[in-house]
Amino acid sequence: MWLIILAIAAVTSTALWYFRDNGRYGLEILSLIFWGATVMVFVDHAMGIVEDALAGHEVEFIEVSPSAFLLGVFLVCMGVALWEVYLLFKKPRRVVREKIAK
């Protein structure tokens, strides 16, 4: 489930970056964070399936449970928090100058 949630966040942030961003909010960084997490989770799931199949266990690619849903929401929140930290350290002066100039 968390793979699906991260993929939705990655596609949404990429669409916002492509269609709405003027370079001010650094949505390309948010998009890269979510795509990186999505690829990482996909590889983790794929390796888990290979290991389970070789061991003869039952294979489940997408886990659907409340805990998996909460993990996906938590990962999206962490991605947004990392993006905000990036914005605070990378662009604080530029944003303040633009607000003062208006």
N, C-alpha and C. Protein backbone atom coordinates (compact mmCIF):
# COMPACT_ATOMS: atom_id res chain seq x y z
N MET A 1 0.82 -1.19 0.00
CA MET A 1 0.00 0.00 0.00
C MET A 1 0.87 1.26 0.00
N TRP A 2 1.98 1.18 0.73
CA TRP A 2 2.80 2.38 0.81
C TRP A 2 3.51 2.65 -0.49
N LEU A 3 3.74 1.62 -1.29
CA LEU A 3 4.29 1.84 -2.64
C LEU A 3 3.30 2.64 -3.49
N ILE A 4 2.04 2.30 -3.39
CA ILE A 4 1.01 3.01 -4.17
C ILE A 4 0.89 4.45 -3.70
N ILE A 5 0.90 4.67 -2.39
CA ILE A 5 0.78 6.03 -1.85
C ILE A 5 1.97 6.89 -2.27
N LEU A 6 3.17 6.33 -2.19
CA LEU A 6 4.35 7.08 -2.63
C LEU A 6 4.33 7.36 -4.12
N ALA A 7 3.86 6.41 -4.91
CA ALA A 7 3.77 6.62 -6.36
C ALA A 7 2.78 7.73 -6.69
N ILE A 8 1.65 7.76 -5.99
CA ILE A 8 0.66 8.83 -6.20
C ILE A 8 1.26 10.18 -5.82
N ALA A 9 1.99 10.24 -4.70
CA ALA A 9 2.63 11.49 -4.29
C ALA A 9 3.69 11.91 -5.31
N ALA A 10 4.43 10.95 -5.85
CA ALA A 10 5.46 11.28 -6.85
C ALA A 10 4.83 11.83 -8.13
N VAL A 11 3.78 11.19 -8.60
CA VAL A 11 3.12 11.66 -9.83
C VAL A 11 2.49 13.03 -9.60
N THR A 12 1.86 13.22 -8.45
CA THR A 12 1.22 14.50 -8.15
C THR A 12 2.25 15.62 -8.05
N SER A 13 3.34 15.38 -7.34
CA SER A 13 4.36 16.43 -7.20
C SER A 13 5.04 16.73 -8.54
N THR A 14 5.20 15.72 -9.38
CA THR A 14 5.78 15.95 -10.70
C THR A 14 4.84 16.77 -11.57
N ALA A 15 3.56 16.46 -11.51
CA ALA A 15 2.58 17.24 -12.29
C ALA A 15 2.53 18.69 -11.81
N LEU A 16 2.56 18.89 -10.49
CA LEU A 16 2.57 20.26 -9.97
C LEU A 16 3.83 21.00 -10.40
N TRP A 17 4.96 20.32 -10.35
CA TRP A 17 6.21 20.94 -10.77
C TRP A 17 6.17 21.30 -12.25
N TYR A 18 5.66 20.41 -13.07
CA TYR A 18 5.67 20.61 -14.51
C TYR A 18 4.69 21.70 -14.94
N PHE A 19 3.50 21.71 -14.34
CA PHE A 19 2.46 22.62 -14.82
C PHE A 19 2.32 23.90 -14.01
N ARG A 20 2.71 23.90 -12.73
CA ARG A 20 2.42 25.06 -11.89
C ARG A 20 3.62 25.78 -11.30
N ASP A 21 4.80 25.16 -11.30
CA ASP A 21 5.94 25.74 -10.59
C ASP A 21 6.62 26.80 -11.43
N ASN A 22 6.94 27.91 -10.77
CA ASN A 22 7.70 28.97 -11.44
C ASN A 22 9.14 29.00 -10.93
N GLY A 23 9.56 27.94 -10.24
CA GLY A 23 10.91 27.88 -9.71
C GLY A 23 11.05 28.42 -8.31
N ARG A 24 9.99 28.96 -7.76
CA ARG A 24 10.05 29.60 -6.46
C ARG A 24 10.02 28.61 -5.31
N TYR A 25 9.28 27.54 -5.45
CA TYR A 25 9.07 26.62 -4.33
C TYR A 25 9.92 25.36 -4.40
N GLY A 26 10.70 25.17 -5.40
CA GLY A 26 11.58 24.02 -5.48
C GLY A 26 10.83 22.70 -5.55
N LEU A 27 9.74 22.68 -6.31
CA LEU A 27 8.96 21.45 -6.42
C LEU A 27 9.74 20.33 -7.11
N GLU A 28 10.80 20.68 -7.83
CA GLU A 28 11.61 19.63 -8.45
C GLU A 28 12.29 18.78 -7.37
N ILE A 29 12.64 19.38 -6.25
CA ILE A 29 13.23 18.64 -5.14
C ILE A 29 12.20 17.72 -4.50
N LEU A 30 10.98 18.22 -4.30
CA LEU A 30 9.92 17.39 -3.74
C LEU A 30 9.64 16.21 -4.66
N SER A 31 9.61 16.47 -5.95
CA SER A 31 9.40 15.40 -6.91
C SER A 31 10.51 14.36 -6.86
N LEU A 32 11.75 14.81 -6.77
CA LEU A 32 12.88 13.88 -6.68
C LEU A 32 12.84 13.07 -5.39
N ILE A 33 12.45 13.68 -4.30
CA ILE A 33 12.33 12.95 -3.03
C ILE A 33 11.32 11.82 -3.17
N PHE A 34 10.15 12.13 -3.72
CA PHE A 34 9.11 11.11 -3.83
C PHE A 34 9.46 10.04 -4.86
N TRP A 35 10.06 10.42 -5.98
CA TRP A 35 10.45 9.41 -6.97
C TRP A 35 11.55 8.52 -6.43
N GLY A 36 12.49 9.09 -5.70
CA GLY A 36 13.54 8.28 -5.10
C GLY A 36 12.98 7.28 -4.09
N ALA A 37 12.05 7.74 -3.26
CA ALA A 37 11.43 6.84 -2.29
C ALA A 37 10.61 5.76 -2.99
N THR A 38 9.90 6.12 -4.06
CA THR A 38 9.09 5.15 -4.79
C THR A 38 9.97 4.07 -5.42
N VAL A 39 11.06 4.47 -6.04
CA VAL A 39 11.96 3.49 -6.65
C VAL A 39 12.58 2.60 -5.57
N MET A 40 12.96 3.20 -4.45
CA MET A 40 13.55 2.43 -3.36
C MET A 40 12.57 1.38 -2.82
N VAL A 41 11.32 1.77 -2.61
CA VAL A 41 10.32 0.84 -2.10
C VAL A 41 10.01 -0.23 -3.14
N PHE A 42 9.96 0.14 -4.41
CA PHE A 42 9.71 -0.85 -5.46
C PHE A 42 10.80 -1.91 -5.50
N VAL A 43 12.06 -1.48 -5.42
CA VAL A 43 13.17 -2.43 -5.42
C VAL A 43 13.11 -3.31 -4.17
N ASP A 44 12.78 -2.73 -3.04
CA ASP A 44 12.65 -3.50 -1.81
C ASP A 44 11.57 -4.57 -1.93
N HIS A 45 10.42 -4.19 -2.48
CA HIS A 45 9.34 -5.16 -2.68
C HIS A 45 9.74 -6.24 -3.68
N ALA A 46 10.40 -5.85 -4.75
CA ALA A 46 10.81 -6.83 -5.76
C ALA A 46 11.81 -7.83 -5.18
N MET A 47 12.77 -7.34 -4.41
CA MET A 47 13.73 -8.24 -3.78
C MET A 47 13.06 -9.15 -2.75
N GLY A 48 12.07 -8.63 -2.04
CA GLY A 48 11.33 -9.45 -1.09
C GLY A 48 10.56 -10.56 -1.78
N ILE A 49 10.00 -10.26 -2.94
CA ILE A 49 9.26 -11.27 -3.70
C ILE A 49 10.21 -12.35 -4.19
N VAL A 50 11.38 -11.96 -4.68
CA VAL A 50 12.35 -12.95 -5.16
C VAL A 50 12.78 -13.86 -4.00
N GLU A 51 13.08 -13.26 -2.86
CA GLU A 51 13.50 -14.06 -1.71
C GLU A 51 12.38 -15.00 -1.23
N ASP A 52 11.15 -14.48 -1.17
CA ASP A 52 10.02 -15.32 -0.74
C ASP A 52 9.74 -16.44 -1.73
N ALA A 53 9.84 -16.14 -3.01
CA ALA A 53 9.58 -17.16 -4.03
C ALA A 53 10.65 -18.26 -3.99
N LEU A 54 11.89 -17.87 -3.79
CA LEU A 54 12.96 -18.86 -3.71
C LEU A 54 12.85 -19.72 -2.45
N ALA A 55 12.32 -19.14 -1.38
CA ALA A 55 12.18 -19.89 -0.13
C ALA A 55 10.90 -20.71 -0.12
N GLY A 56 10.04 -20.54 -1.12
CA GLY A 56 8.80 -21.30 -1.20
C GLY A 56 7.66 -20.73 -0.39
N HIS A 57 7.78 -19.48 0.02
CA HIS A 57 6.72 -18.84 0.78
C HIS A 57 5.69 -18.21 -0.13
N GLU A 58 4.56 -17.84 0.46
CA GLU A 58 3.51 -17.14 -0.29
C GLU A 58 3.99 -15.74 -0.64
N VAL A 59 3.73 -15.32 -1.87
CA VAL A 59 4.23 -14.04 -2.37
C VAL A 59 3.09 -13.02 -2.36
N GLU A 60 3.35 -11.85 -1.71
CA GLU A 60 2.39 -10.75 -1.67
C GLU A 60 3.14 -9.47 -1.99
N PHE A 61 2.82 -8.86 -3.14
CA PHE A 61 3.57 -7.67 -3.56
C PHE A 61 3.07 -6.41 -2.87
N ILE A 62 1.76 -6.21 -2.83
CA ILE A 62 1.17 -5.03 -2.21
C ILE A 62 0.45 -5.45 -0.93
N GLU A 63 0.93 -4.95 0.19
CA GLU A 63 0.30 -5.26 1.47
C GLU A 63 -0.80 -4.23 1.73
N VAL A 64 -2.01 -4.70 1.91
CA VAL A 64 -3.15 -3.81 2.18
C VAL A 64 -3.58 -4.02 3.62
N SER A 65 -3.21 -3.06 4.46
CA SER A 65 -3.57 -3.11 5.87
C SER A 65 -3.56 -1.69 6.42
N PRO A 66 -4.19 -1.47 7.56
CA PRO A 66 -4.16 -0.12 8.13
C PRO A 66 -2.74 0.35 8.48
N SER A 67 -1.90 -0.56 8.93
CA SER A 67 -0.53 -0.16 9.26
C SER A 67 0.26 0.22 8.00
N ALA A 68 0.02 -0.49 6.90
CA ALA A 68 0.69 -0.14 5.65
C ALA A 68 0.21 1.22 5.14
N PHE A 69 -1.08 1.50 5.30
CA PHE A 69 -1.61 2.80 4.91
C PHE A 69 -0.99 3.92 5.75
N LEU A 70 -0.92 3.70 7.08
CA LEU A 70 -0.32 4.71 7.95
C LEU A 70 1.16 4.92 7.65
N LEU A 71 1.86 3.85 7.29
CA LEU A 71 3.26 3.98 6.90
C LEU A 71 3.39 4.82 5.64
N GLY A 72 2.50 4.62 4.68
CA GLY A 72 2.52 5.43 3.46
C GLY A 72 2.27 6.90 3.75
N VAL A 73 1.30 7.19 4.61
CA VAL A 73 1.01 8.58 4.99
C VAL A 73 2.20 9.18 5.72
N PHE A 74 2.81 8.40 6.61
CA PHE A 74 3.99 8.88 7.33
C PHE A 74 5.14 9.19 6.38
N LEU A 75 5.36 8.34 5.39
CA LEU A 75 6.43 8.58 4.43
C LEU A 75 6.19 9.83 3.60
N VAL A 76 4.94 10.08 3.24
CA VAL A 76 4.62 11.31 2.50
C VAL A 76 4.88 12.53 3.39
N CYS A 77 4.48 12.44 4.66
CA CYS A 77 4.74 13.55 5.59
C CYS A 77 6.24 13.79 5.76
N MET A 78 7.02 12.72 5.83
CA MET A 78 8.48 12.87 5.95
C MET A 78 9.08 13.48 4.68
N GLY A 79 8.55 13.12 3.52
CA GLY A 79 9.01 13.73 2.28
C GLY A 79 8.73 15.21 2.24
N VAL A 80 7.55 15.61 2.67
CA VAL A 80 7.20 17.03 2.71
C VAL A 80 8.06 17.75 3.75
N ALA A 81 8.33 17.11 4.89
CA ALA A 81 9.17 17.73 5.91
C ALA A 81 10.60 17.93 5.38
N LEU A 82 11.14 16.95 4.68
CA LEU A 82 12.48 17.11 4.09
C LEU A 82 12.50 18.24 3.07
N TRP A 83 11.44 18.34 2.30
CA TRP A 83 11.34 19.42 1.31
C TRP A 83 11.30 20.78 2.01
N GLU A 84 10.56 20.88 3.11
CA GLU A 84 10.50 22.14 3.85
C GLU A 84 11.85 22.50 4.45
N VAL A 85 12.58 21.51 4.94
CA VAL A 85 13.93 21.77 5.46
C VAL A 85 14.82 22.29 4.33
N TYR A 86 14.70 21.69 3.15
CA TYR A 86 15.45 22.18 2.00
C TYR A 86 15.11 23.64 1.71
N LEU A 87 13.83 23.96 1.72
CA LEU A 87 13.41 25.34 1.43
C LEU A 87 13.93 26.31 2.48
N LEU A 88 13.91 25.90 3.74
CA LEU A 88 14.38 26.79 4.80
C LEU A 88 15.88 27.07 4.69
N PHE A 89 16.66 26.06 4.32
CA PHE A 89 18.10 26.26 4.25
C PHE A 89 18.58 26.81 2.92
N LYS A 90 17.86 26.53 1.85
CA LYS A 90 18.34 26.91 0.52
C LYS A 90 17.82 28.27 0.06
N LYS A 91 16.58 28.58 0.37
CA LYS A 91 15.98 29.77 -0.23
C LYS A 91 15.38 30.77 0.75
N PRO A 92 15.80 30.88 1.99
CA PRO A 92 15.09 31.79 2.90
C PRO A 92 15.29 33.26 2.55
N ARG A 93 16.50 33.63 2.17
CA ARG A 93 16.74 35.05 1.88
C ARG A 93 16.02 35.50 0.63
N ARG A 94 15.99 34.66 -0.38
CA ARG A 94 15.34 35.04 -1.64
C ARG A 94 13.85 35.23 -1.43
N VAL A 95 13.23 34.35 -0.68
CA VAL A 95 11.79 34.45 -0.44
C VAL A 95 11.48 35.69 0.39
N VAL A 96 12.30 35.98 1.39
CA VAL A 96 12.07 37.17 2.23
C VAL A 96 12.25 38.43 1.39
N ARG A 97 13.29 38.47 0.55
CA ARG A 97 13.50 39.66 -0.31
C ARG A 97 12.34 39.87 -1.25
N GLU A 98 11.79 38.79 -1.80
CA GLU A 98 10.67 38.93 -2.73
C GLU A 98 9.42 39.43 -2.01
N LYS A 99 9.22 39.00 -0.78
CA LYS A 99 8.05 39.46 -0.02
C LYS A 99 8.20 40.94 0.37
N ILE A 100 9.40 41.36 0.70
CA ILE A 100 9.64 42.76 1.07
C ILE A 100 9.48 43.66 -0.16
N ALA A 101 9.93 43.20 -1.31
CA ALA A 101 9.86 43.99 -2.53
C ALA A 101 8.42 44.23 -2.99
N LYS A 102 7.50 43.37 -2.59
CA LYS A 102 6.09 43.54 -3.04
C LYS A 102 5.38 44.58 -2.28
